[in-house]
Amino acid sequence: MSMTETRVAVVVADETRQTNVSDELADALAGGDAVAIEALIAHVLGRAHRMAERFNAPDEARAIFHVAHSFADELAGADPQFDRARFIRTATNSSS
């Protein structure tokens, strides 16, 4: 499965989303709420990771894992109290 096909599947499968992520992000950025921004990023990455797993797309799931680590690097650099392990678990739906 190519990356393009997976992206289309993620968008189509995301019909049940209850909130507008763009509005949530805009509110979090406007309020300077770092915790809300971290949670939103982890939520979006987690949803994409679940979709990649559901479509049996290990390459895409691995790419999302690497993106999650890139975000974690940036967030950890900005906040010494940042819980990197919790963020990665949330973003990749991992229980360990």
C-alpha atoms as a PDB file:
ATOM      1  CA  MET A   1       0.000   0.000   0.000  1.00  0.00           C
ATOM      2  CA  SER A   2       1.399   3.346  -0.930  1.00  0.00           C
ATOM      3  CA  MET A   3       1.478   6.322   1.388  1.00  0.00           C
ATOM      4  CA  THR A   4      -1.051   8.139  -0.810  1.00  0.00           C
ATOM      5  CA  GLU A   5      -3.601   5.316  -0.580  1.00  0.00           C
ATOM      6  CA  THR A   6      -3.275   5.210   3.191  1.00  0.00           C
ATOM      7  CA  ARG A   7      -3.774   8.945   3.507  1.00  0.00           C
ATOM      8  CA  VAL A   8      -6.969   8.738   1.508  1.00  0.00           C
ATOM      9  CA  ALA A   9      -8.204   5.853   3.661  1.00  0.00           C
ATOM     10  CA  VAL A  10      -7.488   7.804   6.843  1.00  0.00           C
ATOM     11  CA  VAL A  11      -9.467  10.790   5.634  1.00  0.00           C
ATOM     12  CA  VAL A  12     -12.434   8.706   4.491  1.00  0.00           C
ATOM     13  CA  ALA A  13     -12.473   6.606   7.669  1.00  0.00           C
ATOM     14  CA  ASP A  14     -12.413   9.690   9.854  1.00  0.00           C
ATOM     15  CA  GLU A  15     -16.121  10.500   9.318  1.00  0.00           C
ATOM     16  CA  THR A  16     -17.034   9.905  12.992  1.00  0.00           C
ATOM     17  CA  ARG A  17     -14.773  12.628  14.377  1.00  0.00           C
ATOM     18  CA  GLN A  18     -16.846  14.599  16.896  1.00  0.00           C
ATOM     19  CA  THR A  19     -14.780  17.780  17.075  1.00  0.00           C
ATOM     20  CA  ASN A  20     -13.043  20.033  14.648  1.00  0.00           C
ATOM     21  CA  VAL A  21      -9.327  19.511  15.259  1.00  0.00           C
ATOM     22  CA  SER A  22      -8.487  22.815  13.575  1.00  0.00           C
ATOM     23  CA  ASP A  23     -10.698  24.691  16.050  1.00  0.00           C
ATOM     24  CA  GLU A  24      -9.165  22.819  18.990  1.00  0.00           C
ATOM     25  CA  LEU A  25      -5.661  23.596  17.771  1.00  0.00           C
ATOM     26  CA  ALA A  26      -6.472  27.246  17.166  1.00  0.00           C
ATOM     27  CA  ASP A  27      -7.954  27.547  20.667  1.00  0.00           C
ATOM     28  CA  ALA A  28      -4.957  25.809  22.263  1.00  0.00           C
ATOM     29  CA  LEU A  29      -2.467  27.962  20.360  1.00  0.00           C
ATOM     30  CA  ALA A  30      -4.345  31.158  21.109  1.00  0.00           C
ATOM     31  CA  GLY A  31      -4.474  30.291  24.797  1.00  0.00           C
ATOM     32  CA  GLY A  32      -0.861  29.178  24.921  1.00  0.00           C
ATOM     33  CA  ASP A  33      -1.978  25.920  26.541  1.00  0.00           C
ATOM     34  CA  ALA A  34       1.011  23.608  26.021  1.00  0.00           C
ATOM     35  CA  VAL A  35      -0.709  20.629  27.680  1.00  0.00           C
ATOM     36  CA  ALA A  36      -3.709  20.949  25.358  1.00  0.00           C
ATOM     37  CA  ILE A  37      -1.425  21.206  22.343  1.00  0.00           C
ATOM     38  CA  GLU A  38       0.529  18.098  23.398  1.00  0.00           C
ATOM     39  CA  ALA A  39      -2.704  16.177  23.969  1.00  0.00           C
ATOM     40  CA  LEU A  40      -4.101  17.231  20.618  1.00  0.00           C
ATOM     41  CA  ILE A  41      -0.947  16.218  18.743  1.00  0.00           C
ATOM     42  CA  ALA A  42      -0.889  12.845  20.514  1.00  0.00           C
ATOM     43  CA  HIS A  43      -4.597  12.355  19.753  1.00  0.00           C
ATOM     44  CA  VAL A  44      -4.165  13.073  16.034  1.00  0.00           C
ATOM     45  CA  LEU A  45      -1.088  10.854  15.757  1.00  0.00           C
ATOM     46  CA  GLY A  46      -2.851   8.098  17.705  1.00  0.00           C
ATOM     47  CA  ARG A  47      -5.832   8.201  15.373  1.00  0.00           C
ATOM     48  CA  ALA A  48      -3.550   7.999  12.317  1.00  0.00           C
ATOM     49  CA  HIS A  49      -1.576   5.147  13.881  1.00  0.00           C
ATOM     50  CA  ARG A  50      -4.780   3.174  14.598  1.00  0.00           C
ATOM     51  CA  MET A  51      -5.891   3.652  11.004  1.00  0.00           C
ATOM     52  CA  ALA A  52      -2.545   2.444   9.673  1.00  0.00           C
ATOM     53  CA  GLU A  53      -2.806  -0.636  11.881  1.00  0.00           C
ATOM     54  CA  ARG A  54      -6.422  -1.230  10.855  1.00  0.00           C
ATOM     55  CA  PHE A  55      -5.417  -1.128   7.178  1.00  0.00           C
ATOM     56  CA  ASN A  56      -2.461  -3.431   7.842  1.00  0.00           C
ATOM     57  CA  ALA A  57       0.002  -0.766   6.742  1.00  0.00           C
ATOM     58  CA  PRO A  58       3.119  -1.346   8.853  1.00  0.00           C
ATOM     59  CA  ASP A  59       5.282   1.096   6.898  1.00  0.00           C
ATOM     60  CA  GLU A  60       2.805   3.902   7.521  1.00  0.00           C
ATOM     61  CA  ALA A  61       2.441   2.918  11.193  1.00  0.00           C
ATOM     62  CA  ARG A  62       6.231   3.007  11.533  1.00  0.00           C
ATOM     63  CA  ALA A  63       6.362   6.435   9.855  1.00  0.00           C
ATOM     64  CA  ILE A  64       3.774   7.754  12.326  1.00  0.00           C
ATOM     65  CA  PHE A  65       5.869   6.289  15.160  1.00  0.00           C
ATOM     66  CA  HIS A  66       8.886   8.252  13.899  1.00  0.00           C
ATOM     67  CA  VAL A  67       6.823  11.435  13.552  1.00  0.00           C
ATOM     68  CA  ALA A  68       5.630  10.964  17.144  1.00  0.00           C
ATOM     69  CA  HIS A  69       9.248  10.756  18.287  1.00  0.00           C
ATOM     70  CA  SER A  70      10.090  13.908  16.317  1.00  0.00           C
ATOM     71  CA  PHE A  71       7.259  15.779  18.033  1.00  0.00           C
ATOM     72  CA  ALA A  72       8.406  14.378  21.382  1.00  0.00           C
ATOM     73  CA  ASP A  73      11.932  15.661  20.755  1.00  0.00           C
ATOM     74  CA  GLU A  74      10.602  19.157  20.084  1.00  0.00           C
ATOM     75  CA  LEU A  75       8.154  19.149  22.985  1.00  0.00           C
ATOM     76  CA  ALA A  76      10.803  17.854  25.405  1.00  0.00           C
ATOM     77  CA  GLY A  77      13.153  20.611  24.326  1.00  0.00           C
ATOM     78  CA  ALA A  78      10.497  23.221  25.053  1.00  0.00           C
ATOM     79  CA  ASP A  79       9.320  21.792  28.392  1.00  0.00           C
ATOM     80  CA  PRO A  80      11.624  19.982  30.847  1.00  0.00           C
ATOM     81  CA  GLN A  81       8.543  18.519  32.583  1.00  0.00           C
ATOM     82  CA  PHE A  82       7.260  16.946  29.354  1.00  0.00           C
ATOM     83  CA  ASP A  83       6.354  13.260  29.791  1.00  0.00           C
ATOM     84  CA  ARG A  84       7.890  11.765  26.672  1.00  0.00           C
ATOM     85  CA  ALA A  85       6.951   8.150  27.445  1.00  0.00           C
ATOM     86  CA  ARG A  86       3.284   9.023  28.042  1.00  0.00           C
ATOM     87  CA  PHE A  87       3.174  11.060  24.821  1.00  0.00           C
ATOM     88  CA  ILE A  88       4.651   8.217  22.737  1.00  0.00           C
ATOM     89  CA  ARG A  89       2.285   5.676  24.327  1.00  0.00           C
ATOM     90  CA  THR A  90      -0.699   7.895  23.540  1.00  0.00           C
ATOM     91  CA  ALA A  91       0.461   8.712  20.016  1.00  0.00           C
ATOM     92  CA  THR A  92       1.130   5.089  19.109  1.00  0.00           C
ATOM     93  CA  ASN A  93      -1.603   3.347  21.099  1.00  0.00           C
ATOM     94  CA  SER A  94       0.998   1.399  23.028  1.00  0.00           C
ATOM     95  CA  SER A  95       0.342  -0.032  26.458  1.00  0.00           C
ATOM     96  CA  SER A  96       4.014  -0.634  27.248  1.00  0.00           C
END
